[in-house]
Amino acid sequence: MLSAADEVAVSTLIDDTGLEASHLSQHLSVLRRHNLVVADRRASQVYYRLAFPEVAELLTSARAVLVEVLHHTSRHLDGATR
């Protein structure tokens, strides 16, 4: 979600992810601590954005690798059950 927009409000992240606010807060805290996201408070709302565009590229690459691992594991399991 953060890679698809310039910034995203916390309320939108909660609604779209279905996470409880406390869980989302923990995730965002880790990302902030590692300088992967930046938070801006405006009035009562907090907005998050990626700190670097390369983070989106990294996530795309990680997702592709994980999909390949899942496909490989699935093929391996299918072969083992035959």
PDB file of N, CA and C in Angstrom:
ATOM      1  N   MET A   1       0.822  -1.192   0.000  1.00  0.00           N
ATOM      2  CA  MET A   1       0.000   0.000   0.000  1.00  0.00           C
ATOM      3  C   MET A   1       0.862   1.251   0.000  1.00  0.00           C
ATOM      4  N   LEU A   2       1.927   1.220   0.769  1.00  0.00           N
ATOM      5  CA  LEU A   2       2.782   2.398   0.839  1.00  0.00           C
ATOM      6  C   LEU A   2       3.554   2.613  -0.460  1.00  0.00           C
ATOM      7  N   SER A   3       3.811   1.547  -1.181  1.00  0.00           N
ATOM      8  CA  SER A   3       4.525   1.705  -2.446  1.00  0.00           C
ATOM      9  C   SER A   3       3.611   2.180  -3.567  1.00  0.00           C
ATOM     10  N   ALA A   4       2.306   2.079  -3.364  1.00  0.00           N
ATOM     11  CA  ALA A   4       1.347   2.457  -4.410  1.00  0.00           C
ATOM     12  C   ALA A   4       0.875   3.904  -4.293  1.00  0.00           C
ATOM     13  N   ALA A   5       1.272   4.592  -3.233  1.00  0.00           N
ATOM     14  CA  ALA A   5       0.800   5.963  -3.019  1.00  0.00           C
ATOM     15  C   ALA A   5       1.938   6.811  -2.467  1.00  0.00           C
ATOM     16  N   ASP A   6       1.785   8.114  -2.604  1.00  0.00           N
ATOM     17  CA  ASP A   6       2.794   9.018  -2.042  1.00  0.00           C
ATOM     18  C   ASP A   6       2.828   8.914  -0.518  1.00  0.00           C
ATOM     19  N   GLU A   7       1.642   8.805   0.079  1.00  0.00           N
ATOM     20  CA  GLU A   7       1.521   8.628   1.520  1.00  0.00           C
ATOM     21  C   GLU A   7       0.161   8.019   1.815  1.00  0.00           C
ATOM     22  N   VAL A   8       0.072   7.385   2.975  1.00  0.00           N
ATOM     23  CA  VAL A   8      -1.170   6.709   3.353  1.00  0.00           C
ATOM     24  C   VAL A   8      -1.465   7.019   4.809  1.00  0.00           C
ATOM     25  N   ALA A   9      -2.706   7.380   5.099  1.00  0.00           N
ATOM     26  CA  ALA A   9      -3.128   7.646   6.473  1.00  0.00           C
ATOM     27  C   ALA A   9      -3.214   6.337   7.251  1.00  0.00           C
ATOM     28  N   VAL A  10      -2.906   6.411   8.529  1.00  0.00           N
ATOM     29  CA  VAL A  10      -2.992   5.228   9.385  1.00  0.00           C
ATOM     30  C   VAL A  10      -4.392   4.636   9.340  1.00  0.00           C
ATOM     31  N   SER A  11      -5.401   5.472   9.355  1.00  0.00           N
ATOM     32  CA  SER A  11      -6.780   4.958   9.324  1.00  0.00           C
ATOM     33  C   SER A  11      -7.033   4.145   8.053  1.00  0.00           C
ATOM     34  N   THR A  12      -6.463   4.562   6.944  1.00  0.00           N
ATOM     35  CA  THR A  12      -6.601   3.810   5.690  1.00  0.00           C
ATOM     36  C   THR A  12      -5.862   2.483   5.786  1.00  0.00           C
ATOM     37  N   LEU A  13      -4.668   2.503   6.373  1.00  0.00           N
ATOM     38  CA  LEU A  13      -3.912   1.263   6.550  1.00  0.00           C
ATOM     39  C   LEU A  13      -4.680   0.275   7.411  1.00  0.00           C
ATOM     40  N   ILE A  14      -5.290   0.764   8.475  1.00  0.00           N
ATOM     41  CA  ILE A  14      -6.081  -0.110   9.357  1.00  0.00           C
ATOM     42  C   ILE A  14      -7.255  -0.704   8.585  1.00  0.00           C
ATOM     43  N   ASP A  15      -7.989   0.134   7.879  1.00  0.00           N
ATOM     44  CA  ASP A  15      -9.158  -0.332   7.129  1.00  0.00           C
ATOM     45  C   ASP A  15      -8.778  -1.334   6.044  1.00  0.00           C
ATOM     46  N   ASP A  16      -7.735  -1.026   5.295  1.00  0.00           N
ATOM     47  CA  ASP A  16      -7.374  -1.858   4.147  1.00  0.00           C
ATOM     48  C   ASP A  16      -6.644  -3.142   4.513  1.00  0.00           C
ATOM     49  N   THR A  17      -5.923  -3.141   5.632  1.00  0.00           N
ATOM     50  CA  THR A  17      -5.206  -4.356   6.028  1.00  0.00           C
ATOM     51  C   THR A  17      -6.043  -5.254   6.930  1.00  0.00           C
ATOM     52  N   GLY A  18      -6.991  -4.664   7.643  1.00  0.00           N
ATOM     53  CA  GLY A  18      -7.774  -5.442   8.589  1.00  0.00           C
ATOM     54  C   GLY A  18      -7.037  -5.722   9.888  1.00  0.00           C
ATOM     55  N   LEU A  19      -5.862  -5.130  10.041  1.00  0.00           N
ATOM     56  CA  LEU A  19      -5.106  -5.327  11.278  1.00  0.00           C
ATOM     57  C   LEU A  19      -5.699  -4.491  12.398  1.00  0.00           C
ATOM     58  N   GLU A  20      -5.532  -4.969  13.609  1.00  0.00           N
ATOM     59  CA  GLU A  20      -5.897  -4.146  14.762  1.00  0.00           C
ATOM     60  C   GLU A  20      -4.908  -2.995  14.853  1.00  0.00           C
ATOM     61  N   ALA A  21      -5.362  -1.869  15.354  1.00  0.00           N
ATOM     62  CA  ALA A  21      -4.516  -0.680  15.440  1.00  0.00           C
ATOM     63  C   ALA A  21      -3.216  -0.962  16.193  1.00  0.00           C
ATOM     64  N   SER A  22      -3.296  -1.741  17.254  1.00  0.00           N
ATOM     65  CA  SER A  22      -2.092  -2.029  18.045  1.00  0.00           C
ATOM     66  C   SER A  22      -1.080  -2.841  17.244  1.00  0.00           C
ATOM     67  N   HIS A  23      -1.564  -3.801  16.461  1.00  0.00           N
ATOM     68  CA  HIS A  23      -0.656  -4.614  15.639  1.00  0.00           C
ATOM     69  C   HIS A  23      -0.033  -3.779  14.525  1.00  0.00           C
ATOM     70  N   LEU A  24      -0.843  -2.975  13.884  1.00  0.00           N
ATOM     71  CA  LEU A  24      -0.324  -2.106  12.831  1.00  0.00           C
ATOM     72  C   LEU A  24       0.712  -1.147  13.402  1.00  0.00           C
ATOM     73  N   SER A  25       0.433  -0.607  14.562  1.00  0.00           N
ATOM     74  CA  SER A  25       1.362   0.306  15.212  1.00  0.00           C
ATOM     75  C   SER A  25       2.709  -0.355  15.454  1.00  0.00           C
ATOM     76  N   GLN A  26       2.695  -1.613  15.877  1.00  0.00           N
ATOM     77  CA  GLN A  26       3.939  -2.344  16.109  1.00  0.00           C
ATOM     78  C   GLN A  26       4.722  -2.520  14.812  1.00  0.00           C
ATOM     79  N   HIS A  27       4.025  -2.879  13.739  1.00  0.00           N
ATOM     80  CA  HIS A  27       4.677  -3.054  12.434  1.00  0.00           C
ATOM     81  C   HIS A  27       5.291  -1.739  11.959  1.00  0.00           C
ATOM     82  N   LEU A  28       4.511  -0.669  12.057  1.00  0.00           N
ATOM     83  CA  LEU A  28       4.999   0.634  11.607  1.00  0.00           C
ATOM     84  C   LEU A  28       6.165   1.113  12.466  1.00  0.00           C
ATOM     85  N   SER A  29       6.132   0.794  13.739  1.00  0.00           N
ATOM     86  CA  SER A  29       7.227   1.168  14.633  1.00  0.00           C
ATOM     87  C   SER A  29       8.537   0.519  14.201  1.00  0.00           C
ATOM     88  N   VAL A  30       8.485  -0.744  13.835  1.00  0.00           N
ATOM     89  CA  VAL A  30       9.683  -1.450  13.360  1.00  0.00           C
ATOM     90  C   VAL A  30      10.190  -0.792  12.072  1.00  0.00           C
ATOM     91  N   LEU A  31       9.277  -0.493  11.161  1.00  0.00           N
ATOM     92  CA  LEU A  31       9.679   0.143   9.901  1.00  0.00           C
ATOM     93  C   LEU A  31      10.288   1.523  10.142  1.00  0.00           C
ATOM     94  N   ARG A  32       9.710   2.276  11.064  1.00  0.00           N
ATOM     95  CA  ARG A  32      10.269   3.599  11.409  1.00  0.00           C
ATOM     96  C   ARG A  32      11.650   3.468  12.037  1.00  0.00           C
ATOM     97  N   ARG A  33      11.776   2.541  12.969  1.00  0.00           N
ATOM     98  CA  ARG A  33      13.045   2.343  13.679  1.00  0.00           C
ATOM     99  C   ARG A  33      14.177   2.003  12.708  1.00  0.00           C
ATOM    100  N   HIS A  34      13.842   1.325  11.625  1.00  0.00           N
ATOM    101  CA  HIS A  34      14.855   0.940  10.638  1.00  0.00           C
ATOM    102  C   HIS A  34      14.894   1.902   9.447  1.00  0.00           C
ATOM    103  N   ASN A  35      14.256   3.056   9.624  1.00  0.00           N
ATOM    104  CA  ASN A  35      14.282   4.131   8.622  1.00  0.00           C
ATOM    105  C   ASN A  35      13.745   3.714   7.251  1.00  0.00           C
ATOM    106  N   LEU A  36      12.758   2.837   7.244  1.00  0.00           N
ATOM    107  CA  LEU A  36      12.141   2.419   5.993  1.00  0.00           C
ATOM    108  C   LEU A  36      10.907   3.243   5.657  1.00  0.00           C
ATOM    109  N   VAL A  37      10.275   3.812   6.687  1.00  0.00           N
ATOM    110  CA  VAL A  37       9.121   4.688   6.478  1.00  0.00           C
ATOM    111  C   VAL A  37       9.316   5.976   7.265  1.00  0.00           C
ATOM    112  N   VAL A  38       8.588   6.995   6.833  1.00  0.00           N
ATOM    113  CA  VAL A  38       8.593   8.290   7.501  1.00  0.00           C
ATOM    114  C   VAL A  38       7.157   8.612   7.879  1.00  0.00           C
ATOM    115  N   ALA A  39       6.956   9.138   9.089  1.00  0.00           N
ATOM    116  CA  ALA A  39       5.621   9.491   9.565  1.00  0.00           C
ATOM    117  C   ALA A  39       5.494  11.004   9.667  1.00  0.00           C
ATOM    118  N   ASP A  40       4.342  11.504   9.251  1.00  0.00           N
ATOM    119  CA  ASP A  40       4.017  12.926   9.393  1.00  0.00           C
ATOM    120  C   ASP A  40       2.669  13.042  10.083  1.00  0.00           C
ATOM    121  N   ARG A  41       2.628  13.810  11.182  1.00  0.00           N
ATOM    122  CA  ARG A  41       1.366  14.026  11.891  1.00  0.00           C
ATOM    123  C   ARG A  41       0.768  15.338  11.418  1.00  0.00           C
ATOM    124  N   ARG A  42      -0.509  15.258  11.019  1.00  0.00           N
ATOM    125  CA  ARG A  42      -1.264  16.453  10.654  1.00  0.00           C
ATOM    126  C   ARG A  42      -2.592  16.401  11.385  1.00  0.00           C
ATOM    127  N   ALA A  43      -2.765  17.345  12.289  1.00  0.00           N
ATOM    128  CA  ALA A  43      -3.943  17.367  13.163  1.00  0.00           C
ATOM    129  C   ALA A  43      -3.976  16.047  13.932  1.00  0.00           C
ATOM    130  N   SER A  44      -5.063  15.300  13.840  1.00  0.00           N
ATOM    131  CA  SER A  44      -5.175  14.055  14.608  1.00  0.00           C
ATOM    132  C   SER A  44      -4.811  12.826  13.778  1.00  0.00           C
ATOM    133  N   GLN A  45      -4.363  13.020  12.557  1.00  0.00           N
ATOM    134  CA  GLN A  45      -4.062  11.900  11.658  1.00  0.00           C
ATOM    135  C   GLN A  45      -2.554  11.795  11.420  1.00  0.00           C
ATOM    136  N   VAL A  46      -2.073  10.562  11.320  1.00  0.00           N
ATOM    137  CA  VAL A  46      -0.671  10.306  10.999  1.00  0.00           C
ATOM    138  C   VAL A  46      -0.618   9.678   9.616  1.00  0.00           C
ATOM    139  N   TYR A  47       0.290  10.187   8.794  1.00  0.00           N
ATOM    140  CA  TYR A  47       0.462   9.694   7.431  1.00  0.00           C
ATOM    141  C   TYR A  47       1.844   9.069   7.317  1.00  0.00           C
ATOM    142  N   TYR A  48       1.905   7.959   6.605  1.00  0.00           N
ATOM    143  CA  TYR A  48       3.165   7.259   6.397  1.00  0.00           C
ATOM    144  C   TYR A  48       3.507   7.241   4.920  1.00  0.00           C
ATOM    145  N   ARG A  49       4.814   7.285   4.656  1.00  0.00           N
ATOM    146  CA  ARG A  49       5.312   7.136   3.293  1.00  0.00           C
ATOM    147  C   ARG A  49       6.626   6.374   3.372  1.00  0.00           C
ATOM    148  N   LEU A  50       6.992   5.764   2.264  1.00  0.00           N
ATOM    149  CA  LEU A  50       8.274   5.085   2.206  1.00  0.00           C
ATOM    150  C   LEU A  50       9.391   6.115   2.281  1.00  0.00           C
ATOM    151  N   ALA A  51      10.420   5.813   3.004  1.00  0.00           N
ATOM    152  CA  ALA A  51      11.542   6.736   3.143  1.00  0.00           C
ATOM    153  C   ALA A  51      12.360   6.802   1.858  1.00  0.00           C
ATOM    154  N   PHE A  52      12.401   5.700   1.129  1.00  0.00           N
ATOM    155  CA  PHE A  52      13.183   5.617  -0.100  1.00  0.00           C
ATOM    156  C   PHE A  52      12.386   4.833  -1.143  1.00  0.00           C
ATOM    157  N   PRO A  53      12.371   5.276  -2.407  1.00  0.00           N
ATOM    158  CA  PRO A  53      11.656   4.535  -3.449  1.00  0.00           C
ATOM    159  C   PRO A  53      12.213   3.119  -3.624  1.00  0.00           C
ATOM    160  N   GLU A  54      13.480   2.933  -3.312  1.00  0.00           N
ATOM    161  CA  GLU A  54      14.091   1.612  -3.456  1.00  0.00           C
ATOM    162  C   GLU A  54      13.451   0.573  -2.549  1.00  0.00           C
ATOM    163  N   VAL A  55      12.809   1.012  -1.484  1.00  0.00           N
ATOM    164  CA  VAL A  55      12.120   0.076  -0.590  1.00  0.00           C
ATOM    165  C   VAL A  55      11.024  -0.662  -1.367  1.00  0.00           C
ATOM    166  N   ALA A  56      10.302   0.058  -2.215  1.00  0.00           N
ATOM    167  CA  ALA A  56       9.247  -0.572  -3.020  1.00  0.00           C
ATOM    168  C   ALA A  56       9.851  -1.617  -3.952  1.00  0.00           C
ATOM    169  N   GLU A  57      10.995  -1.292  -4.548  1.00  0.00           N
ATOM    170  CA  GLU A  57      11.669  -2.247  -5.431  1.00  0.00           C
ATOM    171  C   GLU A  57      12.124  -3.476  -4.653  1.00  0.00           C
ATOM    172  N   LEU A  58      12.633  -3.246  -3.463  1.00  0.00           N
ATOM    173  CA  LEU A  58      13.064  -4.346  -2.607  1.00  0.00           C
ATOM    174  C   LEU A  58      11.893  -5.264  -2.276  1.00  0.00           C
ATOM    175  N   LEU A  59      10.760  -4.673  -1.930  1.00  0.00           N
ATOM    176  CA  LEU A  59       9.578  -5.471  -1.592  1.00  0.00           C
ATOM    177  C   LEU A  59       9.071  -6.256  -2.796  1.00  0.00           C
ATOM    178  N   THR A  60       9.124  -5.661  -3.974  1.00  0.00           N
ATOM    179  CA  THR A  60       8.718  -6.364  -5.191  1.00  0.00           C
ATOM    180  C   THR A  60       9.612  -7.568  -5.435  1.00  0.00           C
ATOM    181  N   SER A  61      10.912  -7.381  -5.267  1.00  0.00           N
ATOM    182  CA  SER A  61      11.862  -8.486  -5.439  1.00  0.00           C
ATOM    183  C   SER A  61      11.637  -9.575  -4.388  1.00  0.00           C
ATOM    184  N   ALA A  62      11.447  -9.170  -3.146  1.00  0.00           N
ATOM    185  CA  ALA A  62      11.214 -10.143  -2.074  1.00  0.00           C
ATOM    186  C   ALA A  62       9.943 -10.949  -2.332  1.00  0.00           C
ATOM    187  N   ARG A  63       8.896 -10.279  -2.791  1.00  0.00           N
ATOM    188  CA  ARG A  63       7.642 -10.960  -3.097  1.00  0.00           C
ATOM    189  C   ARG A  63       7.849 -11.989  -4.208  1.00  0.00           C
ATOM    190  N   ALA A  64       8.605 -11.635  -5.245  1.00  0.00           N
ATOM    191  CA  ALA A  64       8.868 -12.551  -6.354  1.00  0.00           C
ATOM    192  C   ALA A  64       9.638 -13.779  -5.877  1.00  0.00           C
ATOM    193  N   VAL A  65      10.620 -13.564  -5.019  1.00  0.00           N
ATOM    194  CA  VAL A  65      11.395 -14.688  -4.481  1.00  0.00           C
ATOM    195  C   VAL A  65      10.503 -15.588  -3.641  1.00  0.00           C
ATOM    196  N   LEU A  66       9.681 -15.008  -2.789  1.00  0.00           N
ATOM    197  CA  LEU A  66       8.802 -15.810  -1.933  1.00  0.00           C
ATOM    198  C   LEU A  66       7.796 -16.614  -2.753  1.00  0.00           C
ATOM    199  N   VAL A  67       7.281 -16.044  -3.825  1.00  0.00           N
ATOM    200  CA  VAL A  67       6.356 -16.776  -4.702  1.00  0.00           C
ATOM    201  C   VAL A  67       7.065 -17.974  -5.319  1.00  0.00           C
ATOM    202  N   GLU A  68       8.302 -17.775  -5.772  1.00  0.00           N
ATOM    203  CA  GLU A  68       9.072 -18.885  -6.338  1.00  0.00           C
ATOM    204  C   GLU A  68       9.329 -19.971  -5.300  1.00  0.00           C
ATOM    205  N   VAL A  69       9.662 -19.580  -4.084  1.00  0.00           N
ATOM    206  CA  VAL A  69       9.892 -20.556  -3.012  1.00  0.00           C
ATOM    207  C   VAL A  69       8.616 -21.345  -2.749  1.00  0.00           C
ATOM    208  N   LEU A  70       7.489 -20.662  -2.701  1.00  0.00           N
ATOM    209  CA  LEU A  70       6.217 -21.353  -2.469  1.00  0.00           C
ATOM    210  C   LEU A  70       5.891 -22.330  -3.597  1.00  0.00           C
ATOM    211  N   HIS A  71       6.125 -21.922  -4.839  1.00  0.00           N
ATOM    212  CA  HIS A  71       5.871 -22.822  -5.977  1.00  0.00           C
ATOM    213  C   HIS A  71       6.787 -24.042  -5.900  1.00  0.00           C
ATOM    214  N   HIS A  72       8.055 -23.816  -5.600  1.00  0.00           N
ATOM    215  CA  HIS A  72       9.011 -24.913  -5.477  1.00  0.00           C
ATOM    216  C   HIS A  72       8.597 -25.869  -4.363  1.00  0.00           C
ATOM    217  N   THR A  73       8.237 -25.323  -3.224  1.00  0.00           N
ATOM    218  CA  THR A  73       7.824 -26.145  -2.081  1.00  0.00           C
ATOM    219  C   THR A  73       6.564 -26.927  -2.418  1.00  0.00           C
ATOM    220  N   SER A  74       5.627 -26.282  -3.084  1.00  0.00           N
ATOM    221  CA  SER A  74       4.384 -26.950  -3.470  1.00  0.00           C
ATOM    222  C   SER A  74       4.661 -28.115  -4.418  1.00  0.00           C
ATOM    223  N   ARG A  75       5.524 -27.896  -5.414  1.00  0.00           N
ATOM    224  CA  ARG A  75       5.880 -28.986  -6.344  1.00  0.00           C
ATOM    225  C   ARG A  75       6.568 -30.119  -5.591  1.00  0.00           C
ATOM    226  N   HIS A  76       7.436 -29.769  -4.659  1.00  0.00           N
ATOM    227  CA  HIS A  76       8.147 -30.773  -3.870  1.00  0.00           C
ATOM    228  C   HIS A  76       7.167 -31.602  -3.038  1.00  0.00           C
ATOM    229  N   LEU A  77       6.206 -30.921  -2.416  1.00  0.00           N
ATOM    230  CA  LEU A  77       5.221 -31.631  -1.599  1.00  0.00           C
ATOM    231  C   LEU A  77       4.318 -32.502  -2.464  1.00  0.00           C
ATOM    232  N   ASP A  78       3.929 -32.007  -3.628  1.00  0.00           N
ATOM    233  CA  ASP A  78       3.114 -32.809  -4.543  1.00  0.00           C
ATOM    234  C   ASP A  78       3.835 -34.083  -4.957  1.00  0.00           C
ATOM    235  N   GLY A  79       5.126 -33.973  -5.223  1.00  0.00           N
ATOM    236  CA  GLY A  79       5.917 -35.136  -5.604  1.00  0.00           C
ATOM    237  C   GLY A  79       6.086 -36.126  -4.452  1.00  0.00           C
ATOM    238  N   ALA A  80       6.123 -35.633  -3.251  1.00  0.00           N
ATOM    239  CA  ALA A  80       6.316 -36.496  -2.086  1.00  0.00           C
ATOM    240  C   ALA A  80       5.054 -37.271  -1.738  1.00  0.00           C
ATOM    241  N   THR A  81       3.889 -36.760  -2.114  1.00  0.00           N
ATOM    242  CA  THR A  81       2.633 -37.437  -1.747  1.00  0.00           C
ATOM    243  C   THR A  81       2.200 -38.443  -2.794  1.00  0.00           C
ATOM    244  N   ARG A  82       2.935 -38.538  -3.887  1.00  0.00           N
ATOM    245  CA  ARG A  82       2.551 -39.502  -4.948  1.00  0.00           C
ATOM    246  C   ARG A  82       3.183 -40.815  -4.755  1.00  0.00           C
TER     247      ARG A  82
END
